[in-house]
């Protein structure tokens, strides 16, 4: 039983895994060889560079300015399309013709009474 279990969970040698995995493993081994102070400085430097790149991305690639006139034109076209097509409410279930006729009669009675 133990032999079968160990065969199932065997770790492949580094030659069988990807190049990226071998590179990460090699960098990890180099990182563990460093002393604690050197590791902290390395991580501080890496995080500072990433933060700088993040901040520069907002400066170098500013947000776009929307064209409100084009948006208004699209809104007008969308309203024209919705006026032509029937409006379905999201919570209404499709009903058969009998229910539609019944609802119409009820609404007619209510409007006559008022």
N, C-alpha and C. Protein backbone atom coordinates (compact mmCIF):
# COMPACT_ATOMS: atom_id res chain seq x y z
N UNK A 1 0.82 -1.19 0.00
CA UNK A 1 0.00 0.00 0.00
C UNK A 1 0.86 1.25 0.00
N UNK A 2 1.92 1.22 0.81
CA UNK A 2 2.79 2.38 0.90
C UNK A 2 3.52 2.64 -0.42
N UNK A 3 3.93 1.58 -1.09
CA UNK A 3 4.64 1.74 -2.35
C UNK A 3 3.73 2.35 -3.42
N UNK A 4 2.46 1.89 -3.47
CA UNK A 4 1.53 2.44 -4.45
C UNK A 4 1.27 3.92 -4.20
N UNK A 5 1.13 4.28 -2.93
CA UNK A 5 0.86 5.67 -2.56
C UNK A 5 2.04 6.57 -2.92
N UNK A 6 3.25 6.08 -2.70
CA UNK A 6 4.43 6.89 -3.02
C UNK A 6 4.59 7.04 -4.53
N UNK A 7 4.16 6.06 -5.30
CA UNK A 7 4.24 6.17 -6.76
C UNK A 7 3.26 7.22 -7.28
N UNK A 8 2.10 7.32 -6.64
CA UNK A 8 1.10 8.28 -7.08
C UNK A 8 1.53 9.72 -6.82
N UNK A 9 2.23 9.96 -5.74
CA UNK A 9 2.60 11.32 -5.34
C UNK A 9 4.08 11.61 -5.55
N UNK A 10 4.65 11.00 -6.55
CA UNK A 10 6.08 11.19 -6.80
C UNK A 10 6.30 12.55 -7.45
N UNK A 11 7.35 13.23 -7.00
CA UNK A 11 7.69 14.54 -7.55
C UNK A 11 8.60 14.33 -8.75
N UNK A 12 8.28 14.90 -9.90
CA UNK A 12 9.10 14.68 -11.08
C UNK A 12 10.44 15.40 -10.94
N UNK A 13 11.48 14.85 -11.54
CA UNK A 13 12.78 15.55 -11.52
C UNK A 13 12.68 16.86 -12.30
N UNK A 14 13.62 17.75 -12.07
CA UNK A 14 13.55 19.08 -12.65
C UNK A 14 13.63 19.08 -14.18
N UNK A 15 14.18 18.05 -14.78
CA UNK A 15 14.27 18.01 -16.23
C UNK A 15 12.89 17.82 -16.86
N UNK A 16 11.95 17.23 -16.13
CA UNK A 16 10.63 16.96 -16.68
C UNK A 16 9.67 18.14 -16.54
N UNK A 17 10.02 19.13 -15.74
CA UNK A 17 9.13 20.27 -15.55
C UNK A 17 9.54 21.41 -16.47
N UNK A 18 8.75 22.44 -16.50
CA UNK A 18 8.99 23.53 -17.45
C UNK A 18 10.23 24.35 -17.08
N UNK A 19 10.68 25.11 -18.03
CA UNK A 19 11.85 25.96 -17.84
C UNK A 19 11.58 27.03 -16.78
N UNK A 20 10.35 27.54 -16.77
CA UNK A 20 9.97 28.56 -15.79
C UNK A 20 10.06 28.00 -14.36
N UNK A 21 9.59 26.76 -14.17
CA UNK A 21 9.64 26.14 -12.84
C UNK A 21 11.08 25.94 -12.40
N UNK A 22 11.92 25.51 -13.32
CA UNK A 22 13.35 25.35 -12.96
C UNK A 22 13.96 26.70 -12.61
N UNK A 23 13.62 27.75 -13.36
CA UNK A 23 14.15 29.09 -13.09
C UNK A 23 13.70 29.58 -11.72
N UNK A 24 12.42 29.39 -11.39
CA UNK A 24 11.92 29.81 -10.08
C UNK A 24 12.59 29.02 -8.97
N UNK A 25 12.77 27.73 -9.17
CA UNK A 25 13.43 26.90 -8.16
C UNK A 25 14.86 27.36 -7.94
N UNK A 26 15.57 27.67 -9.03
CA UNK A 26 16.96 28.14 -8.90
C UNK A 26 17.02 29.48 -8.18
N UNK A 27 16.08 30.41 -8.52
CA UNK A 27 16.06 31.71 -7.84
C UNK A 27 15.71 31.55 -6.36
N UNK A 28 14.83 30.59 -6.05
CA UNK A 28 14.47 30.35 -4.66
C UNK A 28 15.66 29.84 -3.86
N UNK A 29 16.42 28.94 -4.46
CA UNK A 29 17.61 28.43 -3.78
C UNK A 29 18.63 29.55 -3.55
N UNK A 30 18.80 30.43 -4.56
CA UNK A 30 19.72 31.55 -4.40
C UNK A 30 19.21 32.51 -3.32
N UNK A 31 17.92 32.69 -3.25
CA UNK A 31 17.34 33.58 -2.25
C UNK A 31 17.50 33.06 -0.85
N UNK A 32 17.40 31.75 -0.67
CA UNK A 32 17.56 31.19 0.68
C UNK A 32 19.01 31.24 1.13
N UNK A 33 19.94 31.30 0.20
CA UNK A 33 21.35 31.40 0.57
C UNK A 33 21.70 32.79 1.11
N UNK A 34 20.93 33.81 0.72
CA UNK A 34 21.20 35.17 1.18
C UNK A 34 20.85 35.31 2.66
N UNK A 35 21.48 36.28 3.30
CA UNK A 35 21.12 36.52 4.70
C UNK A 35 19.82 37.32 4.76
N UNK A 36 19.25 37.44 5.94
CA UNK A 36 17.93 38.05 6.12
C UNK A 36 17.91 39.52 5.68
N UNK A 37 18.95 40.26 6.04
CA UNK A 37 18.99 41.68 5.69
C UNK A 37 19.05 41.88 4.18
N UNK A 38 19.82 41.07 3.51
CA UNK A 38 19.94 41.18 2.06
C UNK A 38 18.62 40.83 1.38
N UNK A 39 17.93 39.82 1.90
CA UNK A 39 16.63 39.43 1.33
C UNK A 39 15.60 40.55 1.49
N UNK A 40 15.59 41.19 2.65
CA UNK A 40 14.65 42.29 2.89
C UNK A 40 14.92 43.44 1.93
N UNK A 41 16.18 43.75 1.71
CA UNK A 41 16.53 44.84 0.79
C UNK A 41 16.13 44.50 -0.64
N UNK A 42 16.32 43.23 -1.02
CA UNK A 42 15.94 42.81 -2.37
C UNK A 42 14.44 42.96 -2.57
N UNK A 43 13.64 42.48 -1.61
CA UNK A 43 12.19 42.58 -1.73
C UNK A 43 11.73 44.04 -1.69
N UNK A 44 12.39 44.84 -0.87
CA UNK A 44 12.04 46.26 -0.82
C UNK A 44 12.30 46.92 -2.16
N UNK A 45 13.41 46.58 -2.78
CA UNK A 45 13.74 47.13 -4.09
C UNK A 45 12.74 46.67 -5.15
N UNK A 46 12.40 45.39 -5.15
CA UNK A 46 11.43 44.86 -6.12
C UNK A 46 10.08 45.54 -5.95
N UNK A 47 9.60 45.67 -4.73
CA UNK A 47 8.30 46.29 -4.48
C UNK A 47 8.32 47.78 -4.84
N UNK A 48 9.44 48.46 -4.60
CA UNK A 48 9.55 49.88 -4.95
C UNK A 48 9.50 50.06 -6.47
N UNK A 49 10.17 49.19 -7.21
CA UNK A 49 10.15 49.26 -8.67
C UNK A 49 8.74 49.00 -9.20
N UNK A 50 8.05 48.01 -8.65
CA UNK A 50 6.69 47.73 -9.09
C UNK A 50 5.75 48.89 -8.78
N UNK A 51 5.90 49.51 -7.63
CA UNK A 51 5.08 50.67 -7.28
C UNK A 51 5.37 51.83 -8.22
N UNK A 52 6.62 52.04 -8.54
CA UNK A 52 6.99 53.11 -9.47
C UNK A 52 6.39 52.87 -10.86
N UNK A 53 6.44 51.65 -11.33
CA UNK A 53 5.83 51.32 -12.62
C UNK A 53 4.33 51.55 -12.58
N UNK A 54 3.69 51.19 -11.47
CA UNK A 54 2.25 51.39 -11.31
C UNK A 54 1.90 52.87 -11.35
N UNK A 55 2.65 53.70 -10.66
CA UNK A 55 2.39 55.14 -10.64
C UNK A 55 2.66 55.76 -12.01
N UNK A 56 3.73 55.34 -12.66
CA UNK A 56 4.05 55.87 -13.99
C UNK A 56 3.00 55.49 -15.03
N UNK A 57 2.33 54.37 -14.82
CA UNK A 57 1.31 53.97 -15.79
C UNK A 57 0.16 54.97 -15.81
N UNK A 58 -0.15 55.60 -14.68
CA UNK A 58 -1.20 56.61 -14.65
C UNK A 58 -0.74 57.91 -15.30
N UNK A 59 0.54 58.20 -15.22
CA UNK A 59 1.06 59.44 -15.79
C UNK A 59 1.25 59.30 -17.30
N UNK A 60 1.84 58.19 -17.73
CA UNK A 60 2.14 58.00 -19.14
C UNK A 60 0.91 57.63 -19.97
N UNK A 61 -0.06 56.95 -19.36
CA UNK A 61 -1.26 56.52 -20.07
C UNK A 61 -2.49 57.08 -19.35
N UNK A 62 -2.77 58.37 -19.53
CA UNK A 62 -3.92 58.96 -18.83
C UNK A 62 -5.24 58.39 -19.36
N UNK A 63 -6.29 58.56 -18.58
CA UNK A 63 -7.60 58.06 -18.98
C UNK A 63 -8.12 58.78 -20.20
N UNK A 64 -8.98 58.14 -20.93
CA UNK A 64 -9.52 58.74 -22.15
C UNK A 64 -10.64 59.71 -21.81
N UNK A 65 -10.84 60.67 -22.67
CA UNK A 65 -11.92 61.64 -22.51
C UNK A 65 -13.11 61.18 -23.35
N UNK A 66 -14.24 60.89 -22.72
CA UNK A 66 -15.40 60.39 -23.49
C UNK A 66 -16.01 61.49 -24.36
N UNK A 67 -16.51 61.09 -25.50
CA UNK A 67 -17.18 61.99 -26.43
C UNK A 67 -18.68 61.93 -26.11
N UNK A 68 -19.17 62.95 -25.41
CA UNK A 68 -20.55 62.92 -24.94
C UNK A 68 -21.55 63.08 -26.08
N UNK A 69 -21.18 63.77 -27.14
CA UNK A 69 -22.09 63.94 -28.27
C UNK A 69 -22.38 62.60 -28.94
N UNK A 70 -21.36 61.80 -29.11
CA UNK A 70 -21.55 60.48 -29.71
C UNK A 70 -22.38 59.59 -28.79
N UNK A 71 -22.17 59.74 -27.49
CA UNK A 71 -22.94 58.94 -26.54
C UNK A 71 -24.42 59.34 -26.57
N UNK A 72 -24.69 60.63 -26.68
CA UNK A 72 -26.08 61.09 -26.76
C UNK A 72 -26.76 60.58 -28.02
N UNK A 73 -26.02 60.56 -29.13
CA UNK A 73 -26.57 60.05 -30.38
C UNK A 73 -26.91 58.57 -30.25
N UNK A 74 -26.04 57.81 -29.61
CA UNK A 74 -26.31 56.39 -29.40
C UNK A 74 -27.51 56.20 -28.49
N UNK A 75 -27.66 57.06 -27.49
CA UNK A 75 -28.81 56.99 -26.60
C UNK A 75 -30.11 57.24 -27.36
N UNK A 76 -30.10 58.22 -28.25
CA UNK A 76 -31.29 58.53 -29.05
C UNK A 76 -31.64 57.34 -29.93
N UNK A 77 -30.65 56.74 -30.56
CA UNK A 77 -30.90 55.58 -31.41
C UNK A 77 -31.44 54.41 -30.59
N UNK A 78 -30.89 54.22 -29.39
CA UNK A 78 -31.34 53.14 -28.52
C UNK A 78 -32.79 53.36 -28.09
N UNK A 79 -33.15 54.60 -27.79
CA UNK A 79 -34.53 54.91 -27.40
C UNK A 79 -35.49 54.67 -28.55
N UNK A 80 -35.07 54.98 -29.76
CA UNK A 80 -35.93 54.73 -30.92
C UNK A 80 -36.14 53.24 -31.13
N UNK A 81 -35.10 52.48 -30.90
CA UNK A 81 -35.22 51.03 -31.06
C UNK A 81 -36.13 50.43 -29.99
N UNK A 82 -36.03 50.93 -28.76
CA UNK A 82 -36.86 50.38 -27.69
C UNK A 82 -38.30 50.80 -27.85
N UNK A 83 -38.58 51.93 -28.48
CA UNK A 83 -39.96 52.34 -28.72
C UNK A 83 -40.62 51.39 -29.72
N UNK A 84 -39.86 50.90 -30.66
CA UNK A 84 -40.41 50.01 -31.67
C UNK A 84 -40.60 48.59 -31.13
N UNK A 85 -39.67 48.12 -30.33
CA UNK A 85 -39.74 46.76 -29.81
C UNK A 85 -40.53 46.76 -28.50
N UNK A 86 -41.25 45.66 -28.22
CA UNK A 86 -41.99 45.59 -26.96
C UNK A 86 -41.03 45.51 -25.78
N UNK A 87 -41.43 46.09 -24.67
CA UNK A 87 -40.59 46.12 -23.47
C UNK A 87 -40.99 44.97 -22.57
N UNK A 88 -40.04 44.16 -22.22
CA UNK A 88 -40.29 43.05 -21.31
C UNK A 88 -39.61 43.36 -19.99
N UNK A 89 -40.34 43.17 -18.93
CA UNK A 89 -39.73 43.37 -17.61
C UNK A 89 -38.92 42.13 -17.27
N UNK A 90 -37.85 42.33 -16.53
CA UNK A 90 -36.94 41.22 -16.27
C UNK A 90 -37.55 40.16 -15.36
N UNK A 91 -38.48 40.55 -14.49
CA UNK A 91 -39.04 39.57 -13.56
C UNK A 91 -40.32 38.94 -14.08
N UNK A 92 -40.87 39.41 -15.19
CA UNK A 92 -42.08 38.81 -15.75
C UNK A 92 -41.72 37.53 -16.49
N UNK A 93 -42.50 36.52 -16.21
CA UNK A 93 -42.32 35.25 -16.90
C UNK A 93 -43.16 35.27 -18.18
N UNK A 94 -42.76 34.56 -19.21
CA UNK A 94 -43.58 34.49 -20.40
C UNK A 94 -44.91 33.80 -20.08
N UNK A 95 -45.98 34.33 -20.59
CA UNK A 95 -47.30 33.78 -20.28
C UNK A 95 -47.99 33.35 -21.56
N UNK A 96 -48.96 32.49 -21.39
CA UNK A 96 -49.72 32.07 -22.57
C UNK A 96 -50.82 33.08 -22.89
N UNK A 97 -51.51 32.88 -23.99
CA UNK A 97 -52.49 33.86 -24.46
C UNK A 97 -53.67 33.99 -23.52
N UNK A 98 -54.06 32.90 -22.83
CA UNK A 98 -55.18 32.97 -21.90
C UNK A 98 -54.90 33.97 -20.78
N UNK A 99 -53.70 33.89 -20.23
CA UNK A 99 -53.35 34.82 -19.15
C UNK A 99 -53.30 36.25 -19.66
N UNK A 100 -52.80 36.43 -20.86
CA UNK A 100 -52.76 37.79 -21.41
C UNK A 100 -54.17 38.35 -21.59
N UNK A 101 -55.09 37.53 -22.09
CA UNK A 101 -56.48 37.98 -22.24
C UNK A 101 -57.11 38.29 -20.89
N UNK A 102 -56.84 37.46 -19.90
CA UNK A 102 -57.39 37.67 -18.56
C UNK A 102 -56.87 38.98 -17.96
N UNK A 103 -55.59 39.24 -18.11
CA UNK A 103 -55.02 40.49 -17.60
C UNK A 103 -55.63 41.69 -18.30
N UNK A 104 -55.85 41.58 -19.61
CA UNK A 104 -56.41 42.67 -20.37
C UNK A 104 -57.85 42.97 -19.91
N UNK A 105 -58.64 41.92 -19.66
CA UNK A 105 -60.02 42.11 -19.19
C UNK A 105 -60.05 42.74 -17.80
N UNK A 106 -59.14 42.31 -16.94
CA UNK A 106 -59.08 42.88 -15.59
C UNK A 106 -58.74 44.35 -15.66
N UNK A 107 -57.77 44.69 -16.49
CA UNK A 107 -57.38 46.10 -16.61
C UNK A 107 -58.51 46.93 -17.22
N UNK A 108 -59.29 46.34 -18.14
CA UNK A 108 -60.42 47.07 -18.72
C UNK A 108 -61.49 47.33 -17.68
N UNK A 109 -61.75 46.34 -16.81
CA UNK A 109 -62.74 46.52 -15.76
C UNK A 109 -62.32 47.60 -14.78
N UNK A 110 -61.05 47.60 -14.42
CA UNK A 110 -60.55 48.60 -13.46
C UNK A 110 -60.65 50.00 -14.08
N UNK A 111 -60.30 50.12 -15.35
CA UNK A 111 -60.34 51.43 -15.98
C UNK A 111 -61.80 51.92 -16.16
N UNK A 112 -62.76 51.00 -16.38
CA UNK A 112 -64.17 51.38 -16.52
C UNK A 112 -64.75 51.84 -15.18
N UNK A 113 -64.32 51.19 -14.10
CA UNK A 113 -64.84 51.53 -12.78
C UNK A 113 -64.35 52.89 -12.32
N UNK A 114 -63.22 53.28 -12.76
CA UNK A 114 -62.67 54.57 -12.30
C UNK A 114 -63.28 55.64 -13.13
